[in-house]
C-alpha atoms as a PDB file:
ATOM      1  CA  ALA A   1      62.360  88.099  53.828  1.00  0.00           C
ATOM      2  CA  ALA A   2      61.989  90.791  56.521  1.00  0.00           C
ATOM      3  CA  GLU A   3      58.315  89.882  57.032  1.00  0.00           C
ATOM      4  CA  PRO A   4      57.251  93.306  58.402  1.00  0.00           C
ATOM      5  CA  GLN A   5      54.194  93.238  60.687  1.00  0.00           C
ATOM      6  CA  PRO A   6      51.669  96.002  61.538  1.00  0.00           C
ATOM      7  CA  ASP A   7      53.033  96.540  65.084  1.00  0.00           C
ATOM      8  CA  ASP A   8      56.712  96.458  64.076  1.00  0.00           C
ATOM      9  CA  VAL A   9      59.194  99.282  64.476  1.00  0.00           C
ATOM     10  CA  ALA A  10      61.579  99.289  61.513  1.00  0.00           C
ATOM     11  CA  LEU A  11      64.994 100.795  60.886  1.00  0.00           C
ATOM     12  CA  GLU A  12      66.151 101.496  57.355  1.00  0.00           C
ATOM     13  CA  VAL A  13      69.806 102.276  56.684  1.00  0.00           C
ATOM     14  CA  GLY A  14      70.204 104.344  53.520  1.00  0.00           C
ATOM     15  CA  THR A  15      67.146 106.556  52.984  1.00  0.00           C
ATOM     16  CA  GLY A  16      67.913 107.685  49.460  1.00  0.00           C
ATOM     17  CA  SER A  17      64.712 109.106  47.966  1.00  0.00           C
ATOM     18  CA  GLY A  18      62.584 107.739  50.816  1.00  0.00           C
ATOM     19  CA  TYR A  19      60.770 105.201  48.631  1.00  0.00           C
ATOM     20  CA  ALA A  20      61.579 102.114  50.723  1.00  0.00           C
ATOM     21  CA  ALA A  21      60.715 104.000  53.926  1.00  0.00           C
ATOM     22  CA  ALA A  22      57.340 104.931  52.417  1.00  0.00           C
ATOM     23  CA  VAL A  23      56.619 101.301  51.533  1.00  0.00           C
ATOM     24  CA  LEU A  24      57.737 100.104  54.980  1.00  0.00           C
ATOM     25  CA  SER A  25      55.543 102.739  56.642  1.00  0.00           C
ATOM     26  CA  ARG A  26      52.452 101.077  55.189  1.00  0.00           C
ATOM     27  CA  LEU A  27      53.531  97.715  56.611  1.00  0.00           C
ATOM     28  CA  CYS A  28      54.897  98.762  60.039  1.00  0.00           C
ATOM     29  CA  ARG A  29      53.785 100.947  62.937  1.00  0.00           C
ATOM     30  CA  LYS A  30      56.869 103.185  62.785  1.00  0.00           C
ATOM     31  CA  VAL A  31      59.908 103.606  60.531  1.00  0.00           C
ATOM     32  CA  ILE A  32      63.212 105.280  61.369  1.00  0.00           C
ATOM     33  CA  THR A  33      65.374 105.823  58.299  1.00  0.00           C
ATOM     34  CA  ILE A  34      69.001 106.978  58.433  1.00  0.00           C
ATOM     35  CA  GLU A  35      70.757 108.870  55.653  1.00  0.00           C
ATOM     36  CA  ARG A  36      74.373 110.036  55.854  1.00  0.00           C
ATOM     37  CA  GLU A  37      73.947 112.849  53.277  1.00  0.00           C
ATOM     38  CA  PRO A  38      72.094 115.780  54.939  1.00  0.00           C
ATOM     39  CA  ALA A  39      70.696 117.235  51.693  1.00  0.00           C
ATOM     40  CA  LEU A  40      69.310 113.858  50.637  1.00  0.00           C
ATOM     41  CA  ALA A  41      67.798 113.308  54.091  1.00  0.00           C
ATOM     42  CA  GLU A  42      66.145 116.734  54.024  1.00  0.00           C
ATOM     43  CA  HIS A  43      64.678 116.134  50.568  1.00  0.00           C
ATOM     44  CA  ALA A  44      63.345 112.695  51.546  1.00  0.00           C
ATOM     45  CA  SER A  45      61.910 114.064  54.798  1.00  0.00           C
ATOM     46  CA  GLU A  46      60.086 116.882  53.003  1.00  0.00           C
ATOM     47  CA  THR A  47      58.721 114.510  50.363  1.00  0.00           C
ATOM     48  CA  LEU A  48      57.537 111.949  52.921  1.00  0.00           C
ATOM     49  CA  ARG A  49      55.894 114.640  55.057  1.00  0.00           C
ATOM     50  CA  ARG A  50      54.200 116.252  52.030  1.00  0.00           C
ATOM     51  CA  LEU A  51      52.803 112.880  50.958  1.00  0.00           C
ATOM     52  CA  GLY A  52      51.418 112.111  54.427  1.00  0.00           C
ATOM     53  CA  PHE A  53      53.839 109.445  55.644  1.00  0.00           C
ATOM     54  CA  ASP A  54      53.509 110.566  59.267  1.00  0.00           C
ATOM     55  CA  ASN A  55      54.989 107.431  60.848  1.00  0.00           C
ATOM     56  CA  VAL A  56      58.424 107.908  59.231  1.00  0.00           C
ATOM     57  CA  GLU A  57      61.282 109.725  60.971  1.00  0.00           C
ATOM     58  CA  VAL A  58      64.293 110.669  58.847  1.00  0.00           C
ATOM     59  CA  ALA A  59      67.603 110.945  60.709  1.00  0.00           C
ATOM     60  CA  VAL A  60      71.048 112.042  59.538  1.00  0.00           C
ATOM     61  CA  GLY A  61      73.919 109.864  60.665  1.00  0.00           C
ATOM     62  CA  ASP A  62      76.233 106.930  60.166  1.00  0.00           C
ATOM     63  CA  GLY A  63      73.894 104.038  59.414  1.00  0.00           C
ATOM     64  CA  SER A  64      76.444 101.460  60.536  1.00  0.00           C
ATOM     65  CA  LEU A  65      75.815 102.732  64.076  1.00  0.00           C
ATOM     66  CA  GLY A  66      72.061 102.282  63.785  1.00  0.00           C
ATOM     67  CA  TRP A  67      69.771 104.589  65.756  1.00  0.00           C
ATOM     68  CA  PRO A  68      69.869 103.454  69.403  1.00  0.00           C
ATOM     69  CA  VAL A  69      67.321 106.045  70.591  1.00  0.00           C
ATOM     70  CA  GLU A  70      64.426 104.039  69.102  1.00  0.00           C
ATOM     71  CA  ALA A  71      65.917 100.531  69.490  1.00  0.00           C
ATOM     72  CA  PRO A  72      65.180  97.692  69.573  1.00  0.00           C
ATOM     73  CA  TYR A  73      63.871  97.173  66.033  1.00  0.00           C
ATOM     74  CA  ASN A  74      61.717  94.338  64.778  1.00  0.00           C
ATOM     75  CA  VAL A  75      62.932  94.921  61.221  1.00  0.00           C
ATOM     76  CA  ILE A  76      66.209  96.384  59.959  1.00  0.00           C
ATOM     77  CA  LEU A  77      66.752  96.900  56.225  1.00  0.00           C
ATOM     78  CA  VAL A  78      70.185  97.937  54.992  1.00  0.00           C
ATOM     79  CA  ALA A  79      70.405  99.402  51.486  1.00  0.00           C
ATOM     80  CA  ALA A  80      74.204  99.220  51.140  1.00  0.00           C
ATOM     81  CA  ALA A  81      76.713  96.387  51.332  1.00  0.00           C
ATOM     82  CA  ALA A  82      78.708  95.975  54.528  1.00  0.00           C
ATOM     83  CA  ARG A  83      82.124  94.313  54.758  1.00  0.00           C
ATOM     84  CA  GLY A  84      80.829  92.612  57.860  1.00  0.00           C
ATOM     85  CA  VAL A  85      77.613  93.041  59.765  1.00  0.00           C
ATOM     86  CA  PRO A  86      77.901  96.181  61.912  1.00  0.00           C
ATOM     87  CA  PRO A  87      77.766  95.106  65.584  1.00  0.00           C
ATOM     88  CA  ALA A  88      75.528  98.067  66.484  1.00  0.00           C
ATOM     89  CA  LEU A  89      72.837  96.807  64.113  1.00  0.00           C
ATOM     90  CA  ILE A  90      72.919  93.333  65.661  1.00  0.00           C
ATOM     91  CA  GLU A  91      72.678  94.901  69.132  1.00  0.00           C
ATOM     92  CA  GLN A  92      69.643  96.958  68.087  1.00  0.00           C
ATOM     93  CA  LEU A  93      67.744  93.970  66.686  1.00  0.00           C
ATOM     94  CA  ALA A  94      64.802  92.962  68.888  1.00  0.00           C
ATOM     95  CA  ASP A  95      64.200  89.405  70.062  1.00  0.00           C
ATOM     96  CA  GLY A  96      62.502  87.798  67.065  1.00  0.00           C
ATOM     97  CA  GLY A  97      63.741  90.668  64.884  1.00  0.00           C
ATOM     98  CA  ARG A  98      64.837  90.269  61.267  1.00  0.00           C
ATOM     99  CA  MET A  99      67.584  92.157  59.454  1.00  0.00           C
ATOM    100  CA  VAL A 100      68.108  92.073  55.696  1.00  0.00           C
ATOM    101  CA  ILE A 101      71.599  93.188  54.687  1.00  0.00           C
ATOM    102  CA  PRO A 102      73.908  92.679  51.697  1.00  0.00           C
ATOM    103  CA  VAL A 103      77.326  91.498  52.918  1.00  0.00           C
ATOM    104  CA  SER A 104      80.564  91.684  50.937  1.00  0.00           C
ATOM    105  CA  VAL A 105      82.189  88.269  50.796  1.00  0.00           C
ATOM    106  CA  GLY A 106      85.353  89.153  48.898  1.00  0.00           C
ATOM    107  CA  PRO A 107      86.875  91.380  46.239  1.00  0.00           C
ATOM    108  CA  ASP A 108      85.440  91.070  42.729  1.00  0.00           C
ATOM    109  CA  GLN A 109      82.559  88.928  43.984  1.00  0.00           C
ATOM    110  CA  PRO A 110      78.860  89.694  44.244  1.00  0.00           C
ATOM    111  CA  GLN A 111      77.602  90.422  47.726  1.00  0.00           C
ATOM    112  CA  ASP A 112      75.523  87.906  49.655  1.00  0.00           C
ATOM    113  CA  LEU A 113      72.021  89.084  50.615  1.00  0.00           C
ATOM    114  CA  ARG A 114      71.452  87.730  54.125  1.00  0.00           C
ATOM    115  CA  VAL A 115      68.553  87.612  56.541  1.00  0.00           C
ATOM    116  CA  TYR A 116      69.639  87.686  60.191  1.00  0.00           C
ATOM    117  CA  VAL A 117      67.221  86.637  62.937  1.00  0.00           C
ATOM    118  CA  ARG A 118      67.656  87.171  66.685  1.00  0.00           C
ATOM    119  CA  ARG A 119      66.276  84.572  69.106  1.00  0.00           C
ATOM    120  CA  GLY A 120      67.214  85.610  72.627  1.00  0.00           C
ATOM    121  CA  SER A 121      70.988  86.033  72.691  1.00  0.00           C
ATOM    122  CA  GLU A 122      71.481  83.929  69.548  1.00  0.00           C
ATOM    123  CA  VAL A 123      71.683  85.465  66.075  1.00  0.00           C
ATOM    124  CA  SER A 124      71.639  83.315  62.968  1.00  0.00           C
ATOM    125  CA  TYR A 125      71.414  84.068  59.266  1.00  0.00           C
ATOM    126  CA  ARG A 126      70.469  82.500  55.993  1.00  0.00           C
ATOM    127  CA  SER A 127      71.841  83.459  52.596  1.00  0.00           C
ATOM    128  CA  MET A 128      69.256  84.487  50.031  1.00  0.00           C
ATOM    129  CA  PHE A 129      71.078  85.156  46.739  1.00  0.00           C
ATOM    130  CA  PRO A 130      73.953  87.167  45.215  1.00  0.00           C
ATOM    131  CA  VAL A 131      73.364  90.923  44.812  1.00  0.00           C
ATOM    132  CA  LEU A 132      75.216  94.121  43.884  1.00  0.00           C
ATOM    133  CA  PHE A 133      74.788  97.151  46.179  1.00  0.00           C
ATOM    134  CA  VAL A 134      76.814 100.297  46.752  1.00  0.00           C
ATOM    135  CA  PRO A 135      79.203  99.943  49.714  1.00  0.00           C
ATOM    136  CA  LEU A 136      78.063 100.955  53.190  1.00  0.00           C
ATOM    137  CA  ARG A 137      80.083 104.023  54.123  1.00  0.00           C
ATOM    138  CA  THR A 138      81.030 104.403  57.763  1.00  0.00           C
ATOM    139  CA  GLY A 139      82.352 107.257  59.815  1.00  0.00           C
END
């Protein structure tokens, strides 16, 4: 759904082990991945570096704020469910950019996996299917 391209710059929110960042790095020119847990970010960074994923940068921070230093992004992948789409992520989406994010639609309901696309100043989305992700922690 994100349709990564060889010249794309991608942002991943929720590094975890670094697996998704590694996959993205083979499809995109550059990947920035944000992890809120410093120990997890350090482990992923060391693993990615050791395995030769040189086009991946691991950052520690609040993923709901994105990473404005490298913006705009052609692709944004969010690996946690948001209550609403974080405005900073929309702002950091490039013209023609795609963001895949699970969005909470209500208590005791599955989340809705959505693909957002920016065309100029307009942002639209399409629903893909119901999913279950951990919640996106902010702050």
